[in-house]
Amino acid sequence: MDTSGFFETFFNNAKYNGILIMDTEGNILNINEAFHLRFGYQEQDLTGKNFSVLFTEHDRKIKKPENELQNVLAEGSANDENYLLHKDGNKLWVTGESVLIKNDDNRTYIVKVVHNIHAQKQLERFLLQSHEFIDSVFDSITDSALLMLDSSLKVLKANHAFIKMFNLKGPPQEGSRLPEIDNDFWKRPDIRQEIVNFLTTNNNGKGKIFKIEESSGDVRTITLHGKVLEGTQNIDRKLLIMIKV
C-alpha cells in the first residue's frame, strides 16, 4: 500500500490534533490549521521560533523542552503531557507525541502531535480537590483508573479504565474487599496500608508511586492519588482512588 500521501492528508484535515513540524533543534517550520484553531497561533506567529516558546516559564526553567528533544533524538519518539501556552496567554493542559521522521531527500524532521485535554484535566483535579463528587461523570474519565471505596475500604464503584488497567474480566463486585480484586497488585500489604493512610490522614491529592511487574516481565510505574469525600458522619465518608500510569 502506498502511504506517501497519508501524512499530508492527516496534516491538512485533522480537526482536533494540532501538528507542529520542526527541525531537529526544535525550531518550528510549519503548523496545521487544527493547531491554529485549538491554540490561537497563526503560522507566521511561530515559524522560525523554537517550540520552547509554547512552554510555561517553569517548564523552560527545568529544561522540559530540551529533555523532550533529547528523548526524541535518542529514542525516535517521545510522549509528553504538560501545559502549552495559548496565544492569549492561558495555560492549556495537553498530551501528545513527537516523532523523528526522515523524508525522501534524507532530511530529518520532528513531527509533534498535540491534543488539548485541558477540560479532562480540570475534571481530574476537581475529583482530587473538591468535596463534591458527581457520579454521572465517573465513567467519562478514560485515561485514569478510578476506584471508589467506603470507610471500611469496601468497593463501591470502579470505572472502565480501572478494569482495563488491571486486566479484569469485569468490574469488582460491590462490597468486595481490596484483596478480592482479581489482580495481585491489590493483594499487596503495602498497597492496602497506603490506602488506609489516605483514609486516616486525609493525605488528599498527594501521589504515591508504585511499580507493577507484569506476567510478561515488563514493569509499569503507576501513581496512586487518594481523596476523602466527606459525609455527614465519619461512617458516610468515601475514598476516591485515582491511578495513573
Protein backbone atom coordinates (compact mmCIF):
# COMPACT_ATOMS: atom_id res chain seq x y z
CA MET A 1 0.00 0.00 0.00
CA ASP A 2 1.32 3.45 -0.92
CA THR A 3 1.11 5.61 2.21
CA SER A 4 3.18 8.52 0.89
CA GLY A 5 0.22 10.90 0.88
CA PHE A 6 -1.26 9.87 4.21
CA PHE A 7 0.66 12.36 6.34
CA GLU A 8 -0.21 15.32 4.12
CA THR A 9 -3.89 14.38 4.29
CA PHE A 10 -3.74 13.96 8.07
CA PHE A 11 -1.82 17.24 8.49
CA ASN A 12 -4.34 19.21 6.42
CA ASN A 13 -7.58 17.55 7.53
CA ALA A 14 -7.07 16.96 11.26
CA LYS A 15 -9.64 18.90 13.31
CA TYR A 16 -8.70 18.07 16.91
CA ASN A 17 -4.98 17.22 16.80
CA GLY A 18 -2.64 20.15 16.38
CA ILE A 19 0.54 19.32 14.47
CA LEU A 20 3.92 21.06 14.51
CA ILE A 21 6.70 20.30 12.03
CA MET A 22 10.11 21.16 13.47
CA ASP A 23 13.78 20.70 12.68
CA THR A 24 15.95 18.62 14.98
CA GLU A 25 16.72 21.67 17.15
CA GLY A 26 13.06 22.28 17.84
CA ASN A 27 12.65 25.25 15.51
CA ILE A 28 9.11 25.39 14.13
CA LEU A 29 8.78 25.10 10.35
CA ASN A 30 5.02 24.75 9.97
CA ILE A 31 1.76 24.24 11.88
CA ASN A 32 -1.55 22.83 10.71
CA GLU A 33 -4.96 24.50 10.80
CA ALA A 34 -6.05 22.45 13.82
CA PHE A 35 -3.15 23.87 15.85
CA HIS A 36 -4.27 27.37 14.91
CA LEU A 37 -7.88 26.64 15.85
CA ARG A 38 -7.02 25.00 19.17
CA PHE A 39 -4.22 27.26 20.36
CA GLY A 40 -4.71 30.56 18.55
CA TYR A 41 -1.41 30.91 16.70
CA GLN A 42 -1.13 31.78 13.03
CA GLU A 43 1.67 30.15 11.06
CA GLN A 44 3.61 33.44 10.95
CA ASP A 45 3.43 33.69 14.75
CA LEU A 46 5.58 30.58 15.21
CA THR A 47 7.56 29.89 12.03
CA GLY A 48 11.27 30.17 12.78
CA LYS A 49 10.77 30.21 16.55
CA ASN A 50 11.83 27.42 18.88
CA PHE A 51 8.97 25.32 20.21
CA SER A 52 10.09 26.17 23.76
CA VAL A 53 8.08 29.42 23.43
CA LEU A 54 4.97 27.24 23.84
CA PHE A 55 6.09 26.03 27.30
CA THR A 56 5.49 27.79 30.60
CA GLU A 57 8.30 29.69 32.26
CA HIS A 58 8.54 26.96 34.91
CA ASP A 59 8.89 24.19 32.32
CA ARG A 60 11.55 26.18 30.48
CA LYS A 61 13.49 26.62 33.72
CA ILE A 62 13.55 22.87 34.34
CA LYS A 63 14.55 22.34 30.68
CA LYS A 64 11.47 20.35 29.72
CA PRO A 65 11.72 21.32 26.00
CA GLU A 66 15.39 20.29 25.87
CA ASN A 67 14.67 16.98 27.58
CA GLU A 68 11.85 16.24 25.15
CA LEU A 69 14.16 16.90 22.19
CA GLN A 70 16.86 14.66 23.65
CA ASN A 71 14.35 11.82 24.08
CA VAL A 72 13.07 12.17 20.52
CA LEU A 73 16.56 12.18 19.03
CA ALA A 74 17.70 9.26 21.19
CA GLU A 75 14.58 7.05 21.04
CA GLY A 76 12.88 8.16 17.83
CA SER A 77 9.76 9.34 19.68
CA ALA A 78 8.68 10.88 22.97
CA ASN A 79 5.37 11.22 24.79
CA ASP A 80 4.55 14.36 26.72
CA GLU A 81 1.86 15.75 29.00
CA ASN A 82 2.25 19.32 30.17
CA TYR A 83 0.95 22.86 29.87
CA LEU A 84 1.02 24.61 26.48
CA LEU A 85 0.64 28.38 26.29
CA HIS A 86 -2.30 29.55 24.17
CA LYS A 87 -1.65 32.69 22.15
CA ASP A 88 -3.87 34.61 24.58
CA GLY A 89 -1.56 33.61 27.45
CA ASN A 90 -3.79 30.98 29.03
CA LYS A 91 -2.25 27.66 30.04
CA LEU A 92 -3.84 24.58 28.50
CA TRP A 93 -3.02 21.03 29.60
CA VAL A 94 -2.08 18.94 26.57
CA THR A 95 -0.84 15.49 25.72
CA GLY A 96 0.90 14.31 22.59
CA GLU A 97 3.77 12.60 20.90
CA SER A 98 6.83 13.79 19.00
CA VAL A 99 8.24 11.53 16.28
CA LEU A 100 11.52 11.69 14.37
CA ILE A 101 10.90 11.40 10.62
CA LYS A 102 13.15 11.33 7.54
CA ASN A 103 11.71 12.46 4.23
CA ASP A 104 12.59 11.29 0.75
CA ASP A 105 15.66 13.54 0.45
CA ASN A 106 17.01 12.10 3.75
CA ARG A 107 16.35 15.25 5.76
CA THR A 108 15.29 14.70 9.35
CA TYR A 109 12.36 16.45 10.97
CA ILE A 110 10.34 16.19 14.17
CA VAL A 111 6.58 15.95 13.91
CA LYS A 112 4.79 16.87 17.13
CA VAL A 113 1.11 15.94 17.50
CA VAL A 114 -0.67 17.81 20.31
CA HIS A 115 -4.12 17.13 21.78
CA ASN A 116 -5.90 19.53 24.15
CA ILE A 117 -7.10 17.62 27.25
CA HIS A 118 -7.47 20.65 29.50
CA ALA A 119 -11.15 20.05 30.30
CA GLN A 120 -10.44 16.47 31.37
CA LYS A 121 -7.51 17.62 33.50
CA GLN A 122 -9.73 20.13 35.25
CA LEU A 123 -12.23 17.39 35.98
CA GLU A 124 -9.50 15.15 37.41
CA ARG A 125 -8.36 17.96 39.68
CA PHE A 126 -11.93 18.54 40.75
CA LEU A 127 -12.19 14.89 41.75
CA LEU A 128 -8.98 15.17 43.78
CA GLN A 129 -9.56 18.56 45.40
CA SER A 130 -13.28 19.10 45.73
CA HIS A 131 -15.54 17.81 48.48
CA GLU A 132 -18.16 17.09 45.85
CA PHE A 133 -18.40 14.04 43.62
CA ILE A 134 -20.54 13.85 40.50
CA ASP A 135 -21.43 10.22 39.88
CA SER A 136 -22.64 10.91 36.36
CA VAL A 137 -19.12 11.79 35.16
CA PHE A 138 -17.36 8.86 36.84
CA ASP A 139 -17.16 6.74 33.70
CA SER A 140 -16.28 9.69 31.47
CA ILE A 141 -12.68 9.58 32.76
CA THR A 142 -10.84 7.34 30.32
CA ASP A 143 -7.12 7.82 30.93
CA SER A 144 -7.15 7.41 34.71
CA ALA A 145 -8.41 4.40 36.65
CA LEU A 146 -10.88 5.32 39.40
CA LEU A 147 -11.87 3.21 42.40
CA MET A 148 -14.42 4.33 44.98
CA LEU A 149 -14.26 2.76 48.47
CA ASP A 150 -16.40 3.19 51.55
CA SER A 151 -14.98 3.97 55.01
CA SER A 152 -14.29 0.27 55.64
CA LEU A 153 -12.40 0.00 52.33
CA LYS A 154 -15.09 -1.99 50.57
CA VAL A 155 -15.52 -1.41 46.85
CA LEU A 156 -18.38 0.85 45.80
CA LYS A 157 -17.55 1.52 42.18
CA ALA A 158 -14.77 1.26 39.57
CA ASN A 159 -14.66 2.87 36.14
CA HIS A 160 -13.92 1.10 32.84
CA ALA A 161 -10.34 2.42 32.82
CA PHE A 162 -9.76 0.60 36.12
CA ILE A 163 -10.99 -2.70 34.63
CA LYS A 164 -8.73 -2.23 31.61
CA MET A 165 -5.65 -1.11 33.56
CA PHE A 166 -5.69 -4.17 35.82
CA ASN A 167 -6.82 -6.66 33.14
CA LEU A 168 -10.01 -7.60 34.96
CA LYS A 169 -12.80 -9.62 33.36
CA GLY A 170 -15.38 -7.23 34.78
CA PRO A 171 -15.89 -4.60 37.46
CA PRO A 172 -15.07 -5.59 41.07
CA GLN A 173 -18.18 -6.72 42.91
CA GLU A 174 -19.72 -4.01 45.03
CA GLY A 175 -18.96 -4.68 48.67
CA SER A 176 -15.85 -6.74 47.93
CA ARG A 177 -12.59 -6.03 49.72
CA LEU A 178 -9.32 -4.99 48.07
CA PRO A 179 -7.66 -8.46 48.20
CA GLU A 180 -10.70 -9.87 46.39
CA ILE A 181 -9.96 -7.78 43.30
CA ASP A 182 -8.58 -10.25 40.74
CA ASN A 183 -5.12 -8.70 40.41
CA ASP A 184 -2.10 -9.36 42.63
CA PHE A 185 -1.43 -5.63 42.97
CA TRP A 186 -4.44 -5.24 45.26
CA LYS A 187 -3.34 -8.14 47.46
CA ARG A 188 -0.10 -6.36 48.43
CA PRO A 189 0.04 -5.26 52.10
CA ASP A 190 1.89 -2.05 51.19
CA ILE A 191 -0.92 -1.02 48.84
CA ARG A 192 -3.57 -1.60 51.49
CA GLN A 193 -1.52 0.34 54.03
CA GLU A 194 -1.15 3.28 51.67
CA ILE A 195 -4.90 3.35 51.07
CA VAL A 196 -5.50 3.22 54.83
CA ASN A 197 -3.14 6.20 55.09
CA PHE A 198 -5.20 8.09 52.52
CA LEU A 199 -8.33 7.49 54.56
CA THR A 200 -6.96 8.14 58.04
CA THR A 201 -4.60 11.04 57.41
CA ASN A 202 -6.56 12.84 54.68
CA ASN A 203 -3.40 12.88 52.59
CA ASN A 204 -5.50 14.27 49.77
CA GLY A 205 -4.12 14.56 46.28
CA LYS A 206 -0.52 13.66 47.15
CA GLY A 207 0.50 10.87 44.82
CA LYS A 208 2.41 7.75 45.85
CA ILE A 209 4.40 5.86 43.23
CA PHE A 210 4.39 2.07 42.91
CA LYS A 211 5.77 -0.43 40.41
CA ILE A 212 3.82 -3.33 38.92
CA GLU A 213 5.61 -6.30 37.39
CA GLU A 214 3.60 -7.81 34.54
CA SER A 215 3.48 -11.52 33.72
CA SER A 216 5.50 -10.66 30.59
CA GLY A 217 8.32 -9.35 32.79
CA ASP A 218 7.62 -5.71 31.90
CA VAL A 219 7.41 -3.21 34.75
CA ARG A 220 4.86 -0.41 34.89
CA THR A 221 5.14 2.62 37.16
CA ILE A 222 1.84 3.95 38.45
CA THR A 223 0.85 6.78 40.77
CA LEU A 224 -1.94 6.45 43.35
CA HIS A 225 -3.82 9.55 44.45
CA GLY A 226 -6.39 9.48 47.24
CA LYS A 227 -9.20 11.88 48.06
CA VAL A 228 -11.52 11.57 51.04
CA LEU A 229 -15.05 12.66 50.21
CA GLU A 230 -16.65 13.77 53.45
CA GLY A 231 -20.11 12.60 54.50
CA THR A 232 -22.37 13.94 57.22
CA GLN A 233 -20.74 11.49 59.63
CA ASN A 234 -17.45 9.64 59.59
CA ILE A 235 -19.21 6.44 58.57
CA ASP A 236 -20.51 8.21 55.46
CA ARG A 237 -17.02 9.02 54.20
CA LYS A 238 -15.93 7.67 50.85
CA LEU A 239 -12.44 7.35 49.44
CA LEU A 240 -11.73 8.04 45.79
CA ILE A 241 -8.56 6.40 44.46
CA MET A 242 -7.17 7.67 41.15
CA ILE A 243 -4.47 5.59 39.44
CA LYS A 244 -2.36 6.90 36.56
CA VAL A 245 0.30 5.04 34.61
